[in-house]
């Protein structure tokens, strides 16, 4: 199962009205994807492999440039991870009824361990 499929399966069980009182699902998917790509640079000595990727958040632009190392100040990465914690809290607070099948539980655990 691809990462986008796993991510979409999580947001399918979220009460969208409840979730979007505090967050924007589309933007949060961008944040999660950006952080996933950031994490994957550890496999390539910090070099981003793949297409260019950018994220604008709170007036700041974050970028991954193909073939280049990630140059983000550690404070910026901490702020992005704080966003991730808030996203996860909102996901958990916006799920009314978790369908406890094995696939859903695996997907939830995978996303939360991003």
C-alpha atoms as a PDB file:
ATOM      1  CA  UNK A   1       0.000   0.000   0.000  1.00  0.00           C
ATOM      2  CA  UNK A   2       1.441   3.368  -1.012  1.00  0.00           C
ATOM      3  CA  UNK A   3       1.974   6.150   1.498  1.00  0.00           C
ATOM      4  CA  UNK A   4      -0.717   8.383  -0.094  1.00  0.00           C
ATOM      5  CA  UNK A   5      -3.185   5.488   0.122  1.00  0.00           C
ATOM      6  CA  UNK A   6      -2.349   4.967   3.791  1.00  0.00           C
ATOM      7  CA  UNK A   7      -2.684   8.671   4.512  1.00  0.00           C
ATOM      8  CA  UNK A   8      -6.004   8.873   2.679  1.00  0.00           C
ATOM      9  CA  UNK A   9      -7.320   5.861   4.593  1.00  0.00           C
ATOM     10  CA  UNK A  10      -6.670   7.711   7.853  1.00  0.00           C
ATOM     11  CA  UNK A  11      -8.463  10.843   6.691  1.00  0.00           C
ATOM     12  CA  UNK A  12     -11.405   8.760   5.448  1.00  0.00           C
ATOM     13  CA  UNK A  13     -12.313   7.854   9.035  1.00  0.00           C
ATOM     14  CA  UNK A  14     -11.928  11.413  10.325  1.00  0.00           C
ATOM     15  CA  UNK A  15     -15.026  13.527  10.892  1.00  0.00           C
ATOM     16  CA  UNK A  16     -14.080  16.220   8.379  1.00  0.00           C
ATOM     17  CA  UNK A  17     -16.343  18.878   9.887  1.00  0.00           C
ATOM     18  CA  UNK A  18     -14.812  18.334  13.306  1.00  0.00           C
ATOM     19  CA  UNK A  19     -11.251  18.166  11.957  1.00  0.00           C
ATOM     20  CA  UNK A  20     -11.546  21.310   9.867  1.00  0.00           C
ATOM     21  CA  UNK A  21     -12.662  23.383  12.860  1.00  0.00           C
ATOM     22  CA  UNK A  22      -8.950  23.502  13.753  1.00  0.00           C
ATOM     23  CA  UNK A  23      -6.969  22.327  10.721  1.00  0.00           C
ATOM     24  CA  UNK A  24      -7.053  22.076   6.936  1.00  0.00           C
ATOM     25  CA  UNK A  25      -6.872  18.492   5.642  1.00  0.00           C
ATOM     26  CA  UNK A  26      -5.301  19.403   2.295  1.00  0.00           C
ATOM     27  CA  UNK A  27      -2.577  21.509   3.943  1.00  0.00           C
ATOM     28  CA  UNK A  28      -1.965  18.867   6.595  1.00  0.00           C
ATOM     29  CA  UNK A  29      -1.439  16.222   3.921  1.00  0.00           C
ATOM     30  CA  UNK A  30       1.175  18.544   2.378  1.00  0.00           C
ATOM     31  CA  UNK A  31       2.919  18.932   5.754  1.00  0.00           C
ATOM     32  CA  UNK A  32       2.924  15.177   6.400  1.00  0.00           C
ATOM     33  CA  UNK A  33       4.246  14.482   2.895  1.00  0.00           C
ATOM     34  CA  UNK A  34       6.972  17.113   3.239  1.00  0.00           C
ATOM     35  CA  UNK A  35       8.119  15.661   6.560  1.00  0.00           C
ATOM     36  CA  UNK A  36       8.050  12.125   5.134  1.00  0.00           C
ATOM     37  CA  UNK A  37      10.317  13.250   2.298  1.00  0.00           C
ATOM     38  CA  UNK A  38      12.566  15.032   4.836  1.00  0.00           C
ATOM     39  CA  UNK A  39      12.872  11.858   6.868  1.00  0.00           C
ATOM     40  CA  UNK A  40      13.726   9.847   3.773  1.00  0.00           C
ATOM     41  CA  UNK A  41      16.799  11.990   3.076  1.00  0.00           C
ATOM     42  CA  UNK A  42      18.600  10.079   5.842  1.00  0.00           C
ATOM     43  CA  UNK A  43      18.847   7.181   3.404  1.00  0.00           C
ATOM     44  CA  UNK A  44      20.785   9.362   0.948  1.00  0.00           C
ATOM     45  CA  UNK A  45      23.256  11.153   3.237  1.00  0.00           C
ATOM     46  CA  UNK A  46      20.883  14.095   3.530  1.00  0.00           C
ATOM     47  CA  UNK A  47      20.507  14.547  -0.241  1.00  0.00           C
ATOM     48  CA  UNK A  48      16.974  14.868  -1.608  1.00  0.00           C
ATOM     49  CA  UNK A  49      16.334  12.429  -4.423  1.00  0.00           C
ATOM     50  CA  UNK A  50      13.183  12.981  -6.406  1.00  0.00           C
ATOM     51  CA  UNK A  51      11.437  16.046  -7.736  1.00  0.00           C
ATOM     52  CA  UNK A  52      11.575  19.459  -6.152  1.00  0.00           C
ATOM     53  CA  UNK A  53       9.118  19.869  -3.312  1.00  0.00           C
ATOM     54  CA  UNK A  54       8.120  23.010  -1.446  1.00  0.00           C
ATOM     55  CA  UNK A  55       5.864  23.826   1.454  1.00  0.00           C
ATOM     56  CA  UNK A  56       4.666  27.240   2.558  1.00  0.00           C
ATOM     57  CA  UNK A  57       3.556  27.438   6.149  1.00  0.00           C
ATOM     58  CA  UNK A  58       3.082  30.389   8.491  1.00  0.00           C
ATOM     59  CA  UNK A  59       4.843  32.756   6.101  1.00  0.00           C
ATOM     60  CA  UNK A  60       7.893  30.517   5.698  1.00  0.00           C
ATOM     61  CA  UNK A  61       8.890  28.512   2.635  1.00  0.00           C
ATOM     62  CA  UNK A  62      10.507  25.108   3.070  1.00  0.00           C
ATOM     63  CA  UNK A  63      12.086  23.370   0.088  1.00  0.00           C
ATOM     64  CA  UNK A  64      13.597  20.121  -1.039  1.00  0.00           C
ATOM     65  CA  UNK A  65      15.618  20.615  -4.200  1.00  0.00           C
ATOM     66  CA  UNK A  66      16.465  17.523  -6.267  1.00  0.00           C
ATOM     67  CA  UNK A  67      20.080  16.455  -5.793  1.00  0.00           C
ATOM     68  CA  UNK A  68      20.719  18.990  -3.016  1.00  0.00           C
ATOM     69  CA  UNK A  69      21.122  18.533   0.719  1.00  0.00           C
ATOM     70  CA  UNK A  70      18.346  19.759   2.946  1.00  0.00           C
ATOM     71  CA  UNK A  71      19.384  23.028   4.528  1.00  0.00           C
ATOM     72  CA  UNK A  72      16.815  23.796   7.183  1.00  0.00           C
ATOM     73  CA  UNK A  73      17.605  25.298  10.499  1.00  0.00           C
ATOM     74  CA  UNK A  74      16.897  22.809  13.282  1.00  0.00           C
ATOM     75  CA  UNK A  75      14.394  25.254  14.815  1.00  0.00           C
ATOM     76  CA  UNK A  76      12.409  25.195  11.560  1.00  0.00           C
ATOM     77  CA  UNK A  77      12.289  21.412  11.642  1.00  0.00           C
ATOM     78  CA  UNK A  78      11.172  21.470  15.278  1.00  0.00           C
ATOM     79  CA  UNK A  79       8.353  23.855  14.324  1.00  0.00           C
ATOM     80  CA  UNK A  80       7.286  21.534  11.501  1.00  0.00           C
ATOM     81  CA  UNK A  81       7.274  18.593  13.895  1.00  0.00           C
ATOM     82  CA  UNK A  82       5.144  20.618  16.332  1.00  0.00           C
ATOM     83  CA  UNK A  83       2.663  21.000  13.464  1.00  0.00           C
ATOM     84  CA  UNK A  84       2.797  17.230  13.006  1.00  0.00           C
ATOM     85  CA  UNK A  85       1.959  16.646  16.674  1.00  0.00           C
ATOM     86  CA  UNK A  86      -1.001  19.011  16.339  1.00  0.00           C
ATOM     87  CA  UNK A  87      -2.132  17.194  13.188  1.00  0.00           C
ATOM     88  CA  UNK A  88      -1.992  13.841  14.977  1.00  0.00           C
ATOM     89  CA  UNK A  89      -3.908  15.201  17.970  1.00  0.00           C
ATOM     90  CA  UNK A  90      -6.599  16.538  15.653  1.00  0.00           C
ATOM     91  CA  UNK A  91      -6.798  13.242  13.788  1.00  0.00           C
ATOM     92  CA  UNK A  92      -7.312  11.337  17.022  1.00  0.00           C
ATOM     93  CA  UNK A  93      -9.824  13.880  18.347  1.00  0.00           C
ATOM     94  CA  UNK A  94     -11.801  13.827  15.088  1.00  0.00           C
ATOM     95  CA  UNK A  95     -12.365  10.093  14.798  1.00  0.00           C
ATOM     96  CA  UNK A  96     -15.844   9.255  16.002  1.00  0.00           C
ATOM     97  CA  UNK A  97     -15.871   5.562  15.286  1.00  0.00           C
ATOM     98  CA  UNK A  98     -12.733   3.599  14.469  1.00  0.00           C
ATOM     99  CA  UNK A  99     -13.412   0.579  12.272  1.00  0.00           C
ATOM    100  CA  UNK A 100     -11.177  -1.891  14.056  1.00  0.00           C
ATOM    101  CA  UNK A 101     -10.036  -3.946  11.136  1.00  0.00           C
ATOM    102  CA  UNK A 102      -6.419  -4.971  10.823  1.00  0.00           C
ATOM    103  CA  UNK A 103      -5.642  -2.772   7.807  1.00  0.00           C
ATOM    104  CA  UNK A 104      -6.948   0.407   9.453  1.00  0.00           C
ATOM    105  CA  UNK A 105      -4.985  -0.228  12.634  1.00  0.00           C
ATOM    106  CA  UNK A 106      -1.809  -0.863  10.645  1.00  0.00           C
ATOM    107  CA  UNK A 107      -2.342   2.354   8.679  1.00  0.00           C
ATOM    108  CA  UNK A 108      -2.995   4.419  11.806  1.00  0.00           C
ATOM    109  CA  UNK A 109       0.167   3.061  13.444  1.00  0.00           C
ATOM    110  CA  UNK A 110       2.225   3.640  10.306  1.00  0.00           C
ATOM    111  CA  UNK A 111       1.130   7.271   9.954  1.00  0.00           C
ATOM    112  CA  UNK A 112       1.596   8.021  13.647  1.00  0.00           C
ATOM    113  CA  UNK A 113       5.126   6.606  13.518  1.00  0.00           C
ATOM    114  CA  UNK A 114       6.020   8.715  10.463  1.00  0.00           C
END
